[in-house]
PDB file of all heavy atoms in Angstrom:
ATOM      1  N   TRP A   1      -2.499  16.802  -1.323  1.00  0.00           N
ATOM      2  CA  TRP A   1      -2.252  16.926   0.117  1.00  0.00           C
ATOM      3  C   TRP A   1      -3.370  16.285   0.951  1.00  0.00           C
ATOM      4  O   TRP A   1      -3.105  15.712   1.998  1.00  0.00           O
ATOM      5  CB  TRP A   1      -2.125  18.406   0.478  1.00  0.00           C
ATOM      6  CG  TRP A   1      -0.789  18.990   0.108  1.00  0.00           C
ATOM      7  CD1 TRP A   1      -0.542  19.802  -0.976  1.00  0.00           C
ATOM      8  CD2 TRP A   1       0.465  18.788   0.775  1.00  0.00           C
ATOM      9  NE1 TRP A   1       0.853  20.068  -0.974  1.00  0.00           N
ATOM     10  CE2 TRP A   1       1.410  19.528   0.052  1.00  0.00           C
ATOM     11  CE3 TRP A   1       0.813  18.062   1.929  1.00  0.00           C
ATOM     12  CZ2 TRP A   1       2.749  19.544   0.486  1.00  0.00           C
ATOM     13  CZ3 TRP A   1       2.172  18.119   2.270  1.00  0.00           C
ATOM     14  CH2 TRP A   1       3.097  18.814   1.605  1.00  0.00           C
ATOM     15  N   LYS A   2      -4.541  16.380   0.462  1.00  0.00           N
ATOM     16  CA  LYS A   2      -5.664  15.841   1.187  1.00  0.00           C
ATOM     17  C   LYS A   2      -5.632  14.347   1.413  1.00  0.00           C
ATOM     18  O   LYS A   2      -6.074  13.814   2.467  1.00  0.00           O
ATOM     19  CB  LYS A   2      -6.999  16.174   0.420  1.00  0.00           C
ATOM     20  CG  LYS A   2      -8.274  15.855   1.157  1.00  0.00           C
ATOM     21  CD  LYS A   2      -9.497  16.284   0.342  1.00  0.00           C
ATOM     22  CE  LYS A   2     -10.788  15.930   1.058  1.00  0.00           C
ATOM     23  NZ  LYS A   2     -11.956  16.333   0.271  1.00  0.00           N
ATOM     24  N   LEU A   3      -5.023  13.625   0.448  1.00  0.00           N
ATOM     25  CA  LEU A   3      -5.016  12.151   0.532  1.00  0.00           C
ATOM     26  C   LEU A   3      -3.660  11.560   0.887  1.00  0.00           C
ATOM     27  O   LEU A   3      -3.499  10.362   0.972  1.00  0.00           O
ATOM     28  CB  LEU A   3      -5.508  11.544  -0.797  1.00  0.00           C
ATOM     29  CG  LEU A   3      -6.940  11.821  -1.195  1.00  0.00           C
ATOM     30  CD1 LEU A   3      -7.209  11.317  -2.618  1.00  0.00           C
ATOM     31  CD2 LEU A   3      -7.885  11.154  -0.182  1.00  0.00           C
ATOM     32  N   ARG A   4      -2.708  12.403   1.068  1.00  0.00           N
ATOM     33  CA  ARG A   4      -1.272  11.916   1.330  1.00  0.00           C
ATOM     34  C   ARG A   4      -1.190  11.012   2.548  1.00  0.00           C
ATOM     35  O   ARG A   4      -0.520  10.025   2.548  1.00  0.00           O
ATOM     36  CB  ARG A   4      -0.302  13.081   1.400  1.00  0.00           C
ATOM     37  CG  ARG A   4       0.108  13.630   0.075  1.00  0.00           C
ATOM     38  CD  ARG A   4       1.309  14.536   0.200  1.00  0.00           C
ATOM     39  NE  ARG A   4       1.784  14.938  -1.145  1.00  0.00           N
ATOM     40  CZ  ARG A   4       2.980  15.499  -1.349  1.00  0.00           C
ATOM     41  NH1 ARG A   4       3.731  15.813  -0.342  1.00  0.00           N
ATOM     42  NH2 ARG A   4       3.312  15.838  -2.548  1.00  0.00           N
ATOM     43  N   LYS A   5      -1.883  11.471   3.584  1.00  0.00           N
ATOM     44  CA  LYS A   5      -1.784  10.660   4.839  1.00  0.00           C
ATOM     45  C   LYS A   5      -2.340   9.244   4.664  1.00  0.00           C
ATOM     46  O   LYS A   5      -1.710   8.284   5.095  1.00  0.00           O
ATOM     47  CB  LYS A   5      -2.524  11.395   5.922  1.00  0.00           C
ATOM     48  CG  LYS A   5      -2.307  10.812   7.325  1.00  0.00           C
ATOM     49  CD  LYS A   5      -2.976  11.693   8.372  1.00  0.00           C
ATOM     50  CE  LYS A   5      -2.743  11.165   9.803  1.00  0.00           C
ATOM     51  NZ  LYS A   5      -3.351  12.000  10.860  1.00  0.00           N
ATOM     52  N   ALA A   6      -3.408   9.157   3.936  1.00  0.00           N
ATOM     53  CA  ALA A   6      -4.049   7.804   3.733  1.00  0.00           C
ATOM     54  C   ALA A   6      -3.195   6.943   2.793  1.00  0.00           C
ATOM     55  O   ALA A   6      -2.977   5.749   3.089  1.00  0.00           O
ATOM     56  CB  ALA A   6      -5.432   7.981   3.143  1.00  0.00           C
ATOM     57  N   VAL A   7      -2.650   7.542   1.743  1.00  0.00           N
ATOM     58  CA  VAL A   7      -1.806   6.784   0.773  1.00  0.00           C
ATOM     59  C   VAL A   7      -0.515   6.342   1.523  1.00  0.00           C
ATOM     60  O   VAL A   7      -0.076   5.184   1.354  1.00  0.00           O
ATOM     61  CB  VAL A   7      -1.484   7.624  -0.413  1.00  0.00           C
ATOM     62  CG1 VAL A   7      -0.426   6.924  -1.268  1.00  0.00           C
ATOM     63  CG2 VAL A   7      -2.778   7.856  -1.256  1.00  0.00           C
ATOM     64  N   ALA A   8       0.093   7.247   2.274  1.00  0.00           N
ATOM     65  CA  ALA A   8       1.310   6.952   3.012  1.00  0.00           C
ATOM     66  C   ALA A   8       1.053   5.787   4.020  1.00  0.00           C
ATOM     67  O   ALA A   8       1.929   4.893   4.157  1.00  0.00           O
ATOM     68  CB  ALA A   8       1.845   8.174   3.735  1.00  0.00           C
ATOM     69  N   ALA A   9      -0.049   5.818   4.652  1.00  0.00           N
ATOM     70  CA  ALA A   9      -0.392   4.725   5.612  1.00  0.00           C
ATOM     71  C   ALA A   9      -0.511   3.366   4.928  1.00  0.00           C
ATOM     72  O   ALA A   9      -0.047   2.354   5.441  1.00  0.00           O
ATOM     73  CB  ALA A   9      -1.669   5.083   6.357  1.00  0.00           C
ATOM     74  N   ASP A  10      -1.140   3.315   3.740  1.00  0.00           N
ATOM     75  CA  ASP A  10      -1.270   2.074   2.935  1.00  0.00           C
ATOM     76  C   ASP A  10       0.071   1.570   2.427  1.00  0.00           C
ATOM     77  O   ASP A  10       0.341   0.368   2.392  1.00  0.00           O
ATOM     78  CB  ASP A  10      -2.293   2.221   1.910  1.00  0.00           C
ATOM     79  CG  ASP A  10      -3.740   2.294   2.443  1.00  0.00           C
ATOM     80  OD1 ASP A  10      -3.903   1.878   3.591  1.00  0.00           O
ATOM     81  OD2 ASP A  10      -4.599   2.705   1.749  1.00  0.00           O
ATOM     82  N   LEU A  11       0.949   2.516   2.026  1.00  0.00           N
ATOM     83  CA  LEU A  11       2.300   2.146   1.549  1.00  0.00           C
ATOM     84  C   LEU A  11       3.115   1.549   2.709  1.00  0.00           C
ATOM     85  O   LEU A  11       3.918   0.653   2.505  1.00  0.00           O
ATOM     86  CB  LEU A  11       3.009   3.360   0.952  1.00  0.00           C
ATOM     87  CG  LEU A  11       2.659   3.766  -0.435  1.00  0.00           C
ATOM     88  CD1 LEU A  11       3.352   5.076  -0.799  1.00  0.00           C
ATOM     89  CD2 LEU A  11       3.037   2.666  -1.445  1.00  0.00           C
ATOM     90  N   ARG A  12       2.859   2.098   3.914  1.00  0.00           N
ATOM     91  CA  ARG A  12       3.617   1.615   5.058  1.00  0.00           C
ATOM     92  C   ARG A  12       3.344   0.127   5.334  1.00  0.00           C
ATOM     93  O   ARG A  12       4.239  -0.588   5.809  1.00  0.00           O
ATOM     94  CB  ARG A  12       3.221   2.437   6.315  1.00  0.00           C
ATOM     95  CG  ARG A  12       4.124   2.226   7.503  1.00  0.00           C
ATOM     96  CD  ARG A  12       3.799   3.207   8.609  1.00  0.00           C
ATOM     97  NE  ARG A  12       4.792   3.134   9.682  1.00  0.00           N
ATOM     98  CZ  ARG A  12       4.807   2.189  10.609  1.00  0.00           C
ATOM     99  NH1 ARG A  12       3.879   1.279  10.668  1.00  0.00           N
ATOM    100  NH2 ARG A  12       5.784   2.177  11.528  1.00  0.00           N
ATOM    101  N   THR A  13       2.130  -0.304   4.990  1.00  0.00           N
ATOM    102  CA  THR A  13       1.830  -1.739   5.234  1.00  0.00           C
ATOM    103  C   THR A  13       2.685  -2.621   4.301  1.00  0.00           C
ATOM    104  O   THR A  13       2.915  -3.799   4.604  1.00  0.00           O
ATOM    105  CB  THR A  13       0.345  -2.034   4.948  1.00  0.00           C
ATOM    106  OG1 THR A  13       0.059  -1.790   3.556  1.00  0.00           O
ATOM    107  CG2 THR A  13      -0.549  -1.147   5.803  1.00  0.00           C
ATOM    108  N   VAL A  14       3.177  -2.042   3.209  1.00  0.00           N
ATOM    109  CA  VAL A  14       3.973  -2.809   2.219  1.00  0.00           C
ATOM    110  C   VAL A  14       5.390  -2.976   2.791  1.00  0.00           C
ATOM    111  O   VAL A  14       5.897  -4.098   2.955  1.00  0.00           O
ATOM    112  CB  VAL A  14       4.023  -2.130   0.874  1.00  0.00           C
ATOM    113  CG1 VAL A  14       4.930  -2.881  -0.095  1.00  0.00           C
ATOM    114  CG2 VAL A  14       2.637  -1.973   0.263  1.00  0.00           C
ATOM    115  N   TYR A  15       6.049  -1.853   3.101  1.00  0.00           N
ATOM    116  CA  TYR A  15       7.482  -1.959   3.531  1.00  0.00           C
ATOM    117  C   TYR A  15       7.636  -2.390   4.991  1.00  0.00           C
ATOM    118  O   TYR A  15       8.766  -2.648   5.399  1.00  0.00           O
ATOM    119  CB  TYR A  15       8.170  -0.673   3.216  1.00  0.00           C
ATOM    120  CG  TYR A  15       7.737   0.593   3.894  1.00  0.00           C
ATOM    121  CD1 TYR A  15       8.111   0.892   5.223  1.00  0.00           C
ATOM    122  CD2 TYR A  15       7.032   1.535   3.216  1.00  0.00           C
ATOM    123  CE1 TYR A  15       7.727   2.060   5.834  1.00  0.00           C
ATOM    124  CE2 TYR A  15       6.607   2.690   3.800  1.00  0.00           C
ATOM    125  CZ  TYR A  15       6.947   2.965   5.102  1.00  0.00           C
ATOM    126  OH  TYR A  15       6.573   4.097   5.768  1.00  0.00           O
ATOM    127  N   THR A  16       6.528  -2.447   5.765  1.00  0.00           N
ATOM    128  CA  THR A  16       6.690  -2.976   7.127  1.00  0.00           C
ATOM    129  C   THR A  16       6.230  -4.404   7.227  1.00  0.00           C
ATOM    130  O   THR A  16       6.148  -4.960   8.334  1.00  0.00           O
ATOM    131  CB  THR A  16       5.893  -2.094   8.107  1.00  0.00           C
ATOM    132  OG1 THR A  16       4.521  -2.099   7.734  1.00  0.00           O
ATOM    133  CG2 THR A  16       6.428  -0.670   8.171  1.00  0.00           C
ATOM    134  N   ALA A  17       5.880  -5.056   6.105  1.00  0.00           N
ATOM    135  CA  ALA A  17       5.430  -6.456   6.115  1.00  0.00           C
ATOM    136  C   ALA A  17       6.582  -7.378   6.661  1.00  0.00           C
ATOM    137  O   ALA A  17       7.767  -7.005   6.467  1.00  0.00           O
ATOM    138  CB  ALA A  17       5.056  -6.857   4.726  1.00  0.00           C
ATOM    139  N   ALA A  18       6.221  -8.438   7.277  1.00  0.00           N
ATOM    140  CA  ALA A  18       7.192  -9.317   7.899  1.00  0.00           C
ATOM    141  C   ALA A  18       8.030 -10.092   6.853  1.00  0.00           C
ATOM    142  O   ALA A  18       9.207 -10.401   7.061  1.00  0.00           O
ATOM    143  CB  ALA A  18       6.536 -10.252   8.843  1.00  0.00           C
ATOM    144  N   THR A  19       7.423 -10.433   5.744  1.00  0.00           N
ATOM    145  CA  THR A  19       8.086 -11.207   4.718  1.00  0.00           C
ATOM    146  C   THR A  19       7.819 -10.636   3.351  1.00  0.00           C
ATOM    147  O   THR A  19       6.939  -9.795   3.137  1.00  0.00           O
ATOM    148  CB  THR A  19       7.560 -12.659   4.751  1.00  0.00           C
ATOM    149  OG1 THR A  19       6.178 -12.657   4.429  1.00  0.00           O
ATOM    150  CG2 THR A  19       7.769 -13.331   6.083  1.00  0.00           C
ATOM    151  N   VAL A  20       8.601 -11.128   2.352  1.00  0.00           N
ATOM    152  CA  VAL A  20       8.390 -10.698   0.983  1.00  0.00           C
ATOM    153  C   VAL A  20       6.986 -11.085   0.509  1.00  0.00           C
ATOM    154  O   VAL A  20       6.316 -10.283  -0.180  1.00  0.00           O
ATOM    155  CB  VAL A  20       9.433 -11.317   0.028  1.00  0.00           C
ATOM    156  CG1 VAL A  20       9.129 -10.997  -1.424  1.00  0.00           C
ATOM    157  CG2 VAL A  20      10.848 -10.874   0.424  1.00  0.00           C
ATOM    158  N   GLU A  21       6.552 -12.300   0.879  1.00  0.00           N
ATOM    159  CA  GLU A  21       5.225 -12.769   0.443  1.00  0.00           C
ATOM    160  C   GLU A  21       4.096 -11.865   0.986  1.00  0.00           C
ATOM    161  O   GLU A  21       3.213 -11.521   0.246  1.00  0.00           O
ATOM    162  CB  GLU A  21       5.038 -14.212   0.943  1.00  0.00           C
ATOM    163  CG  GLU A  21       5.912 -15.259   0.270  1.00  0.00           C
ATOM    164  CD  GLU A  21       7.364 -15.229   0.760  1.00  0.00           C
ATOM    165  OE1 GLU A  21       7.595 -14.681   1.849  1.00  0.00           O
ATOM    166  OE2 GLU A  21       8.286 -15.719   0.043  1.00  0.00           O
ATOM    167  N   GLU A  22       4.232 -11.478   2.265  1.00  0.00           N
ATOM    168  CA  GLU A  22       3.242 -10.559   2.825  1.00  0.00           C
ATOM    169  C   GLU A  22       3.285  -9.214   2.143  1.00  0.00           C
ATOM    170  O   GLU A  22       2.294  -8.615   1.910  1.00  0.00           O
ATOM    171  CB  GLU A  22       3.456 -10.410   4.323  1.00  0.00           C
ATOM    172  CG  GLU A  22       2.382  -9.546   5.001  1.00  0.00           C
ATOM    173  CD  GLU A  22       2.687  -9.254   6.466  1.00  0.00           C
ATOM    174  OE1 GLU A  22       3.546  -9.907   7.050  1.00  0.00           O
ATOM    175  OE2 GLU A  22       2.084  -8.258   6.948  1.00  0.00           O
ATOM    176  N   ALA A  23       4.508  -8.736   1.842  1.00  0.00           N
ATOM    177  CA  ALA A  23       4.671  -7.463   1.165  1.00  0.00           C
ATOM    178  C   ALA A  23       3.978  -7.460  -0.197  1.00  0.00           C
ATOM    179  O   ALA A  23       3.343  -6.464  -0.618  1.00  0.00           O
ATOM    180  CB  ALA A  23       6.135  -7.088   1.056  1.00  0.00           C
ATOM    181  N   GLU A  24       4.091  -8.527  -0.941  1.00  0.00           N
ATOM    182  CA  GLU A  24       3.490  -8.690  -2.227  1.00  0.00           C
ATOM    183  C   GLU A  24       1.926  -8.658  -2.121  1.00  0.00           C
ATOM    184  O   GLU A  24       1.282  -8.071  -2.969  1.00  0.00           O
ATOM    185  CB  GLU A  24       3.941  -9.942  -2.953  1.00  0.00           C
ATOM    186  CG  GLU A  24       5.432  -9.866  -3.387  1.00  0.00           C
ATOM    187  CD  GLU A  24       5.953 -11.178  -3.937  1.00  0.00           C
ATOM    188  OE1 GLU A  24       5.295 -12.254  -3.666  1.00  0.00           O
ATOM    189  OE2 GLU A  24       6.972 -11.209  -4.617  1.00  0.00           O
ATOM    190  N   ILE A  25       1.428  -9.267  -1.071  1.00  0.00           N
ATOM    191  CA  ILE A  25      -0.046  -9.237  -0.851  1.00  0.00           C
ATOM    192  C   ILE A  25      -0.473  -7.777  -0.557  1.00  0.00           C
ATOM    193  O   ILE A  25      -1.476  -7.296  -1.112  1.00  0.00           O
ATOM    194  CB  ILE A  25      -0.421 -10.140   0.314  1.00  0.00           C
ATOM    195  CG1 ILE A  25      -0.167 -11.637  -0.049  1.00  0.00           C
ATOM    196  CG2 ILE A  25      -1.850  -9.950   0.726  1.00  0.00           C
ATOM    197  CD1 ILE A  25      -0.299 -12.598   1.097  1.00  0.00           C
ATOM    198  N   ARG A  26       0.314  -7.075   0.332  1.00  0.00           N
ATOM    199  CA  ARG A  26      -0.041  -5.743   0.669  1.00  0.00           C
ATOM    200  C   ARG A  26       0.042  -4.835  -0.559  1.00  0.00           C
ATOM    201  O   ARG A  26      -0.786  -3.863  -0.721  1.00  0.00           O
ATOM    202  CB  ARG A  26       0.884  -5.211   1.806  1.00  0.00           C
ATOM    203  CG  ARG A  26       0.775  -5.971   3.028  1.00  0.00           C
ATOM    204  CD  ARG A  26      -0.591  -5.806   3.752  1.00  0.00           C
ATOM    205  NE  ARG A  26      -0.740  -6.695   4.868  1.00  0.00           N
ATOM    206  CZ  ARG A  26      -1.445  -7.787   4.858  1.00  0.00           C
ATOM    207  NH1 ARG A  26      -2.158  -8.113   3.769  1.00  0.00           N
ATOM    208  NH2 ARG A  26      -1.585  -8.608   5.916  1.00  0.00           N
ATOM    209  N   LEU A  27       1.023  -5.031  -1.420  1.00  0.00           N
ATOM    210  CA  LEU A  27       1.172  -4.210  -2.645  1.00  0.00           C
ATOM    211  C   LEU A  27      -0.042  -4.456  -3.572  1.00  0.00           C
ATOM    212  O   LEU A  27      -0.506  -3.509  -4.210  1.00  0.00           O
ATOM    213  CB  LEU A  27       2.475  -4.543  -3.369  1.00  0.00           C
ATOM    214  CG  LEU A  27       2.777  -3.702  -4.615  1.00  0.00           C
ATOM    215  CD1 LEU A  27       2.827  -2.195  -4.248  1.00  0.00           C
ATOM    216  CD2 LEU A  27       4.125  -4.167  -5.262  1.00  0.00           C
ATOM    217  N   ALA A  28      -0.500  -5.699  -3.639  1.00  0.00           N
ATOM    218  CA  ALA A  28      -1.671  -6.042  -4.508  1.00  0.00           C
ATOM    219  C   ALA A  28      -2.909  -5.306  -3.922  1.00  0.00           C
ATOM    220  O   ALA A  28      -3.752  -4.850  -4.667  1.00  0.00           O
ATOM    221  CB  ALA A  28      -1.867  -7.523  -4.533  1.00  0.00           C
ATOM    222  N   GLU A  29      -3.016  -5.299  -2.592  1.00  0.00           N
ATOM    223  CA  GLU A  29      -4.141  -4.607  -1.952  1.00  0.00           C
ATOM    224  C   GLU A  29      -4.087  -3.072  -2.211  1.00  0.00           C
ATOM    225  O   GLU A  29      -5.104  -2.427  -2.481  1.00  0.00           O
ATOM    226  CB  GLU A  29      -4.132  -4.872  -0.453  1.00  0.00           C
ATOM    227  CG  GLU A  29      -4.454  -6.335  -0.086  1.00  0.00           C
ATOM    228  CD  GLU A  29      -4.273  -6.595   1.402  1.00  0.00           C
ATOM    229  OE1 GLU A  29      -3.724  -5.777   2.111  1.00  0.00           O
ATOM    230  OE2 GLU A  29      -4.688  -7.668   1.837  1.00  0.00           O
ATOM    231  N   PHE A  30      -2.875  -2.543  -2.183  1.00  0.00           N
ATOM    232  CA  PHE A  30      -2.676  -1.121  -2.498  1.00  0.00           C
ATOM    233  C   PHE A  30      -3.101  -0.835  -3.935  1.00  0.00           C
ATOM    234  O   PHE A  30      -3.782   0.177  -4.206  1.00  0.00           O
ATOM    235  CB  PHE A  30      -1.195  -0.737  -2.306  1.00  0.00           C
ATOM    236  CG  PHE A  30      -0.960   0.737  -2.516  1.00  0.00           C
ATOM    237  CD1 PHE A  30      -0.974   1.621  -1.514  1.00  0.00           C
ATOM    238  CD2 PHE A  30      -0.611   1.196  -3.793  1.00  0.00           C
ATOM    239  CE1 PHE A  30      -0.744   2.979  -1.686  1.00  0.00           C
ATOM    240  CE2 PHE A  30      -0.359   2.538  -4.027  1.00  0.00           C
ATOM    241  CZ  PHE A  30      -0.415   3.448  -2.971  1.00  0.00           C
ATOM    242  N   ASP A  31      -2.683  -1.739  -4.844  1.00  0.00           N
ATOM    243  CA  ASP A  31      -3.050  -1.593  -6.239  1.00  0.00           C
ATOM    244  C   ASP A  31      -4.553  -1.587  -6.427  1.00  0.00           C
ATOM    245  O   ASP A  31      -5.153  -0.760  -7.143  1.00  0.00           O
ATOM    246  CB  ASP A  31      -2.410  -2.693  -7.052  1.00  0.00           C
ATOM    247  CG  ASP A  31      -2.544  -2.535  -8.571  1.00  0.00           C
ATOM    248  OD1 ASP A  31      -3.135  -1.491  -8.974  1.00  0.00           O
ATOM    249  OD2 ASP A  31      -2.049  -3.402  -9.301  1.00  0.00           O
ATOM    250  N   ALA A  32      -5.233  -2.506  -5.732  1.00  0.00           N
ATOM    251  CA  ALA A  32      -6.708  -2.602  -5.869  1.00  0.00           C
ATOM    252  C   ALA A  32      -7.391  -1.348  -5.356  1.00  0.00           C
ATOM    253  O   ALA A  32      -8.404  -0.940  -5.923  1.00  0.00           O
ATOM    254  CB  ALA A  32      -7.200  -3.826  -5.076  1.00  0.00           C
ATOM    255  N   LYS A  33      -6.807  -0.749  -4.334  1.00  0.00           N
ATOM    256  CA  LYS A  33      -7.453   0.458  -3.689  1.00  0.00           C
ATOM    257  C   LYS A  33      -7.078   1.745  -4.413  1.00  0.00           C
ATOM    258  O   LYS A  33      -7.926   2.622  -4.656  1.00  0.00           O
ATOM    259  CB  LYS A  33      -7.031   0.513  -2.243  1.00  0.00           C
ATOM    260  CG  LYS A  33      -7.676   1.663  -1.466  1.00  0.00           C
ATOM    261  CD  LYS A  33      -7.288   1.587  -0.007  1.00  0.00           C
ATOM    262  CE  LYS A  33      -7.907   2.758   0.805  1.00  0.00           C
ATOM    263  NZ  LYS A  33      -7.574   2.699   2.243  1.00  0.00           N
ATOM    264  N   TRP A  34      -5.806   1.900  -4.834  1.00  0.00           N
ATOM    265  CA  TRP A  34      -5.341   3.187  -5.321  1.00  0.00           C
ATOM    266  C   TRP A  34      -4.849   3.128  -6.778  1.00  0.00           C
ATOM    267  O   TRP A  34      -4.571   4.148  -7.360  1.00  0.00           O
ATOM    268  CB  TRP A  34      -4.163   3.691  -4.474  1.00  0.00           C
ATOM    269  CG  TRP A  34      -4.498   3.926  -3.034  1.00  0.00           C
ATOM    270  CD1 TRP A  34      -4.186   3.134  -1.972  1.00  0.00           C
ATOM    271  CD2 TRP A  34      -5.230   5.042  -2.487  1.00  0.00           C
ATOM    272  NE1 TRP A  34      -4.641   3.674  -0.775  1.00  0.00           N
ATOM    273  CE2 TRP A  34      -5.291   4.828  -1.102  1.00  0.00           C
ATOM    274  CE3 TRP A  34      -5.857   6.136  -3.015  1.00  0.00           C
ATOM    275  CZ2 TRP A  34      -5.948   5.754  -0.240  1.00  0.00           C
ATOM    276  CZ3 TRP A  34      -6.461   7.045  -2.159  1.00  0.00           C
ATOM    277  CH2 TRP A  34      -6.524   6.829  -0.789  1.00  0.00           C
ATOM    278  N   GLY A  35      -4.684   1.926  -7.302  1.00  0.00           N
ATOM    279  CA  GLY A  35      -4.105   1.813  -8.636  1.00  0.00           C
ATOM    280  C   GLY A  35      -4.746   2.545  -9.750  1.00  0.00           C
ATOM    281  O   GLY A  35      -4.086   3.113 -10.620  1.00  0.00           O
ATOM    282  N   ALA A  36      -6.087   2.608  -9.712  1.00  0.00           N
ATOM    283  CA  ALA A  36      -6.805   3.351 -10.782  1.00  0.00           C
ATOM    284  C   ALA A  36      -6.526   4.832 -10.730  1.00  0.00           C
ATOM    285  O   ALA A  36      -6.438   5.488 -11.776  1.00  0.00           O
ATOM    286  CB  ALA A  36      -8.316   3.062 -10.601  1.00  0.00           C
ATOM    287  N   ASP A  37      -6.420   5.378  -9.511  1.00  0.00           N
ATOM    288  CA  ASP A  37      -6.176   6.821  -9.326  1.00  0.00           C
ATOM    289  C   ASP A  37      -4.700   7.188  -9.485  1.00  0.00           C
ATOM    290  O   ASP A  37      -4.392   8.262 -10.032  1.00  0.00           O
ATOM    291  CB  ASP A  37      -6.683   7.314  -7.994  1.00  0.00           C
ATOM    292  CG  ASP A  37      -8.200   7.192  -7.865  1.00  0.00           C
ATOM    293  OD1 ASP A  37      -8.888   7.399  -8.862  1.00  0.00           O
ATOM    294  OD2 ASP A  37      -8.663   6.892  -6.736  1.00  0.00           O
ATOM    295  N   TYR A  38      -3.837   6.293  -9.014  1.00  0.00           N
ATOM    296  CA  TYR A  38      -2.385   6.572  -9.061  1.00  0.00           C
ATOM    297  C   TYR A  38      -1.578   5.408  -9.647  1.00  0.00           C
ATOM    298  O   TYR A  38      -0.838   4.724  -8.972  1.00  0.00           O
ATOM    299  CB  TYR A  38      -1.921   6.840  -7.613  1.00  0.00           C
ATOM    300  CG  TYR A  38      -2.668   7.929  -6.921  1.00  0.00           C
ATOM    301  CD1 TYR A  38      -3.482   7.677  -5.818  1.00  0.00           C
ATOM    302  CD2 TYR A  38      -2.541   9.261  -7.338  1.00  0.00           C
ATOM    303  CE1 TYR A  38      -4.199   8.668  -5.206  1.00  0.00           C
ATOM    304  CE2 TYR A  38      -3.238  10.280  -6.695  1.00  0.00           C
ATOM    305  CZ  TYR A  38      -4.064   9.955  -5.635  1.00  0.00           C
ATOM    306  OH  TYR A  38      -4.753  11.004  -5.015  1.00  0.00           O
TER     307      TYR A  38
END
């Protein structure tokens, strides 16, 4: 619960990206930040 807001905000950058290419970049950034923990 403590981290849900932060994780949800970073996921939002993926599905609100303007293009598929941008979404893939945002997903890679999410992976780099949260991938080890989740």
